Amino acid sequence: MYQVKVRSLPEIIFMVRGRNEWTQAKYERYIKEGRGRGSGKDYKPWLKI
């Protein structure tokens, strides 16, 4: 059987992007801003491209 490690969002983003731009403070600020929540026109994305 395989064991799956559950990772936090900042760990996942670091692995995907390969750069350490995410800190715990930034993650907490984004949570406070409501990023990743809402629906439709009220949705605030985690990342801006």
PDB file of N, CA and C in Angstrom:
ATOM      1  N   MET A   1       0.834  -1.185   0.000  1.00  0.00           N
ATOM      2  CA  MET A   1       0.000   0.000   0.000  1.00  0.00           C
ATOM      3  C   MET A   1       0.878   1.249   0.000  1.00  0.00           C
ATOM      4  N   TYR A   2       0.360   2.271  -0.615  1.00  0.00           N
ATOM      5  CA  TYR A   2       1.054   3.549  -0.625  1.00  0.00           C
ATOM      6  C   TYR A   2       0.535   4.419   0.502  1.00  0.00           C
ATOM      7  N   GLN A   3       1.425   5.206   1.063  1.00  0.00           N
ATOM      8  CA  GLN A   3       1.011   6.172   2.070  1.00  0.00           C
ATOM      9  C   GLN A   3       1.034   7.547   1.425  1.00  0.00           C
ATOM     10  N   VAL A   4      -0.008   8.305   1.646  1.00  0.00           N
ATOM     11  CA  VAL A   4      -0.120   9.631   1.068  1.00  0.00           C
ATOM     12  C   VAL A   4       0.087  10.659   2.169  1.00  0.00           C
ATOM     13  N   LYS A   5       1.020  11.585   1.925  1.00  0.00           N
ATOM     14  CA  LYS A   5       1.257  12.654   2.890  1.00  0.00           C
ATOM     15  C   LYS A   5       0.379  13.838   2.507  1.00  0.00           C
ATOM     16  N   VAL A   6      -0.379  14.332   3.456  1.00  0.00           N
ATOM     17  CA  VAL A   6      -1.221  15.500   3.220  1.00  0.00           C
ATOM     18  C   VAL A   6      -0.343  16.733   3.412  1.00  0.00           C
ATOM     19  N   ARG A   7      -0.330  17.577   2.390  1.00  0.00           N
ATOM     20  CA  ARG A   7       0.514  18.771   2.437  1.00  0.00           C
ATOM     21  C   ARG A   7      -0.344  20.024   2.526  1.00  0.00           C
ATOM     22  N   SER A   8       0.231  21.067   3.088  1.00  0.00           N
ATOM     23  CA  SER A   8      -0.479  22.347   3.162  1.00  0.00           C
ATOM     24  C   SER A   8      -0.347  23.074   1.825  1.00  0.00           C
ATOM     25  N   LEU A   9      -1.199  24.040   1.598  1.00  0.00           N
ATOM     26  CA  LEU A   9      -1.192  24.788   0.343  1.00  0.00           C
ATOM     27  C   LEU A   9       0.164  25.442   0.060  1.00  0.00           C
ATOM     28  N   PRO A  10       0.810  26.112   1.022  1.00  0.00           N
ATOM     29  CA  PRO A  10       2.115  26.713   0.720  1.00  0.00           C
ATOM     30  C   PRO A  10       3.152  25.674   0.287  1.00  0.00           C
ATOM     31  N   GLU A  11       3.136  24.479   0.870  1.00  0.00           N
ATOM     32  CA  GLU A  11       4.068  23.431   0.455  1.00  0.00           C
ATOM     33  C   GLU A  11       3.817  23.023  -0.977  1.00  0.00           C
ATOM     34  N   ILE A  12       2.554  22.900  -1.352  1.00  0.00           N
ATOM     35  CA  ILE A  12       2.201  22.486  -2.707  1.00  0.00           C
ATOM     36  C   ILE A  12       2.628  23.549  -3.716  1.00  0.00           C
ATOM     37  N   ILE A  13       2.348  24.799  -3.414  1.00  0.00           N
ATOM     38  CA  ILE A  13       2.711  25.882  -4.337  1.00  0.00           C
ATOM     39  C   ILE A  13       4.217  25.963  -4.487  1.00  0.00           C
ATOM     40  N   PHE A  14       4.963  25.784  -3.404  1.00  0.00           N
ATOM     41  CA  PHE A  14       6.417  25.798  -3.483  1.00  0.00           C
ATOM     42  C   PHE A  14       6.905  24.689  -4.405  1.00  0.00           C
ATOM     43  N   MET A  15       6.316  23.516  -4.300  1.00  0.00           N
ATOM     44  CA  MET A  15       6.738  22.385  -5.128  1.00  0.00           C
ATOM     45  C   MET A  15       6.417  22.645  -6.596  1.00  0.00           C
ATOM     46  N   VAL A  16       5.279  23.243  -6.875  1.00  0.00           N
ATOM     47  CA  VAL A  16       4.859  23.477  -8.250  1.00  0.00           C
ATOM     48  C   VAL A  16       5.684  24.580  -8.891  1.00  0.00           C
ATOM     49  N   ARG A  17       5.855  25.673  -8.217  1.00  0.00           N
ATOM     50  CA  ARG A  17       6.532  26.831  -8.785  1.00  0.00           C
ATOM     51  C   ARG A  17       8.040  26.729  -8.674  1.00  0.00           C
ATOM     52  N   GLY A  18       8.545  26.008  -7.687  1.00  0.00           N
ATOM     53  CA  GLY A  18       9.979  25.837  -7.534  1.00  0.00           C
ATOM     54  C   GLY A  18      10.684  27.013  -6.897  1.00  0.00           C
ATOM     55  N   ARG A  19       9.932  27.996  -6.457  1.00  0.00           N
ATOM     56  CA  ARG A  19      10.530  29.147  -5.786  1.00  0.00           C
ATOM     57  C   ARG A  19       9.844  29.334  -4.445  1.00  0.00           C
ATOM     58  N   ASN A  20      10.589  29.809  -3.484  1.00  0.00           N
ATOM     59  CA  ASN A  20      10.034  29.992  -2.146  1.00  0.00           C
ATOM     60  C   ASN A  20       9.502  31.408  -1.996  1.00  0.00           C
ATOM     61  N   GLU A  21       8.346  31.659  -2.591  1.00  0.00           N
ATOM     62  CA  GLU A  21       7.707  32.963  -2.479  1.00  0.00           C
ATOM     63  C   GLU A  21       6.656  32.987  -1.381  1.00  0.00           C
ATOM     64  N   TRP A  22       6.247  31.816  -0.900  1.00  0.00           N
ATOM     65  CA  TRP A  22       5.193  31.728   0.098  1.00  0.00           C
ATOM     66  C   TRP A  22       5.795  31.589   1.481  1.00  0.00           C
ATOM     67  N   THR A  23       5.342  32.443   2.383  1.00  0.00           N
ATOM     68  CA  THR A  23       5.721  32.337   3.789  1.00  0.00           C
ATOM     69  C   THR A  23       4.449  32.079   4.588  1.00  0.00           C
ATOM     70  N   GLN A  24       4.614  31.714   5.817  1.00  0.00           N
ATOM     71  CA  GLN A  24       3.447  31.496   6.678  1.00  0.00           C
ATOM     72  C   GLN A  24       2.659  32.790   6.818  1.00  0.00           C
ATOM     73  N   ALA A  25       3.357  33.910   6.914  1.00  0.00           N
ATOM     74  CA  ALA A  25       2.676  35.205   7.049  1.00  0.00           C
ATOM     75  C   ALA A  25       1.846  35.511   5.807  1.00  0.00           C
ATOM     76  N   LYS A  26       2.399  35.235   4.626  1.00  0.00           N
ATOM     77  CA  LYS A  26       1.668  35.493   3.382  1.00  0.00           C
ATOM     78  C   LYS A  26       0.439  34.589   3.298  1.00  0.00           C
ATOM     79  N   TYR A  27       0.617  33.328   3.652  1.00  0.00           N
ATOM     80  CA  TYR A  27      -0.492  32.379   3.648  1.00  0.00           C
ATOM     81  C   TYR A  27      -1.617  32.856   4.583  1.00  0.00           C
ATOM     82  N   GLU A  28      -1.271  33.269   5.788  1.00  0.00           N
ATOM     83  CA  GLU A  28      -2.265  33.730   6.751  1.00  0.00           C
ATOM     84  C   GLU A  28      -2.953  35.011   6.267  1.00  0.00           C
ATOM     85  N   ARG A  29      -2.197  35.907   5.619  1.00  0.00           N
ATOM     86  CA  ARG A  29      -2.779  37.133   5.077  1.00  0.00           C
ATOM     87  C   ARG A  29      -3.798  36.802   3.986  1.00  0.00           C
ATOM     88  N   TYR A  30      -3.470  35.869   3.120  1.00  0.00           N
ATOM     89  CA  TYR A  30      -4.376  35.476   2.040  1.00  0.00           C
ATOM     90  C   TYR A  30      -5.651  34.852   2.601  1.00  0.00           C
ATOM     91  N   ILE A  31      -5.519  34.055   3.657  1.00  0.00           N
ATOM     92  CA  ILE A  31      -6.693  33.469   4.309  1.00  0.00           C
ATOM     93  C   ILE A  31      -7.576  34.591   4.866  1.00  0.00           C
ATOM     94  N   LYS A  32      -6.949  35.566   5.524  1.00  0.00           N
ATOM     95  CA  LYS A  32      -7.692  36.681   6.109  1.00  0.00           C
ATOM     96  C   LYS A  32      -8.388  37.503   5.024  1.00  0.00           C
ATOM     97  N   GLU A  33      -7.754  37.626   3.848  1.00  0.00           N
ATOM     98  CA  GLU A  33      -8.348  38.366   2.728  1.00  0.00           C
ATOM     99  C   GLU A  33      -9.485  37.599   2.065  1.00  0.00           C
ATOM    100  N   GLY A  34      -9.618  36.325   2.386  1.00  0.00           N
ATOM    101  CA  GLY A  34     -10.695  35.520   1.809  1.00  0.00           C
ATOM    102  C   GLY A  34     -10.329  34.880   0.485  1.00  0.00           C
ATOM    103  N   ARG A  35      -9.049  34.758   0.203  1.00  0.00           N
ATOM    104  CA  ARG A  35      -8.628  34.153  -1.062  1.00  0.00           C
ATOM    105  C   ARG A  35      -8.988  32.675  -1.094  1.00  0.00           C
ATOM    106  N   GLY A  36      -9.359  32.214  -2.277  1.00  0.00           N
ATOM    107  CA  GLY A  36      -9.749  30.824  -2.449  1.00  0.00           C
ATOM    108  C   GLY A  36     -11.173  30.547  -2.009  1.00  0.00           C
ATOM    109  N   ARG A  37     -11.904  31.599  -1.728  1.00  0.00           N
ATOM    110  CA  ARG A  37     -13.284  31.446  -1.259  1.00  0.00           C
ATOM    111  C   ARG A  37     -14.230  32.250  -2.142  1.00  0.00           C
ATOM    112  N   GLY A  38     -15.501  32.006  -1.985  1.00  0.00           N
ATOM    113  CA  GLY A  38     -16.518  32.709  -2.752  1.00  0.00           C
ATOM    114  C   GLY A  38     -16.883  31.921  -3.997  1.00  0.00           C
ATOM    115  N   SER A  39     -17.796  32.469  -4.748  1.00  0.00           N
ATOM    116  CA  SER A  39     -18.191  31.822  -5.993  1.00  0.00           C
ATOM    117  C   SER A  39     -18.580  32.893  -7.000  1.00  0.00           C
ATOM    118  N   GLY A  40     -18.478  32.539  -8.265  1.00  0.00           N
ATOM    119  CA  GLY A  40     -18.835  33.471  -9.326  1.00  0.00           C
ATOM    120  C   GLY A  40     -17.992  34.724  -9.297  1.00  0.00           C
ATOM    121  N   LYS A  41     -18.642  35.871  -9.414  1.00  0.00           N
ATOM    122  CA  LYS A  41     -17.901  37.134  -9.461  1.00  0.00           C
ATOM    123  C   LYS A  41     -17.275  37.497  -8.113  1.00  0.00           C
ATOM    124  N   ASP A  42     -17.715  36.854  -7.023  1.00  0.00           N
ATOM    125  CA  ASP A  42     -17.178  37.131  -5.691  1.00  0.00           C
ATOM    126  C   ASP A  42     -15.968  36.269  -5.345  1.00  0.00           C
ATOM    127  N   TYR A  43     -15.579  35.358  -6.248  1.00  0.00           N
ATOM    128  CA  TYR A  43     -14.445  34.467  -5.976  1.00  0.00           C
ATOM    129  C   TYR A  43     -13.132  35.243  -6.024  1.00  0.00           C
ATOM    130  N   LYS A  44     -12.282  35.028  -5.018  1.00  0.00           N
ATOM    131  CA  LYS A  44     -10.947  35.628  -4.986  1.00  0.00           C
ATOM    132  C   LYS A  44      -9.927  34.498  -5.146  1.00  0.00           C
ATOM    133  N   PRO A  45      -9.181  34.482  -6.239  1.00  0.00           N
ATOM    134  CA  PRO A  45      -8.222  33.394  -6.462  1.00  0.00           C
ATOM    135  C   PRO A  45      -7.002  33.498  -5.555  1.00  0.00           C
ATOM    136  N   TRP A  46      -6.334  32.358  -5.345  1.00  0.00           N
ATOM    137  CA  TRP A  46      -5.083  32.336  -4.581  1.00  0.00           C
ATOM    138  C   TRP A  46      -3.998  33.074  -5.342  1.00  0.00           C
ATOM    139  N   LEU A  47      -3.953  32.839  -6.640  1.00  0.00           N
ATOM    140  CA  LEU A  47      -2.886  33.405  -7.461  1.00  0.00           C
ATOM    141  C   LEU A  47      -3.448  34.338  -8.515  1.00  0.00           C
ATOM    142  N   LYS A  48      -2.708  35.381  -8.796  1.00  0.00           N
ATOM    143  CA  LYS A  48      -3.070  36.284  -9.893  1.00  0.00           C
ATOM    144  C   LYS A  48      -2.059  36.081 -11.004  1.00  0.00           C
ATOM    145  N   ILE A  49      -2.565  35.844 -12.201  1.00  0.00           N
ATOM    146  CA  ILE A  49      -1.660  35.570 -13.338  1.00  0.00           C
ATOM    147  C   ILE A  49      -1.701  36.744 -14.288  1.00  0.00           C
TER     148      ILE A  49
END
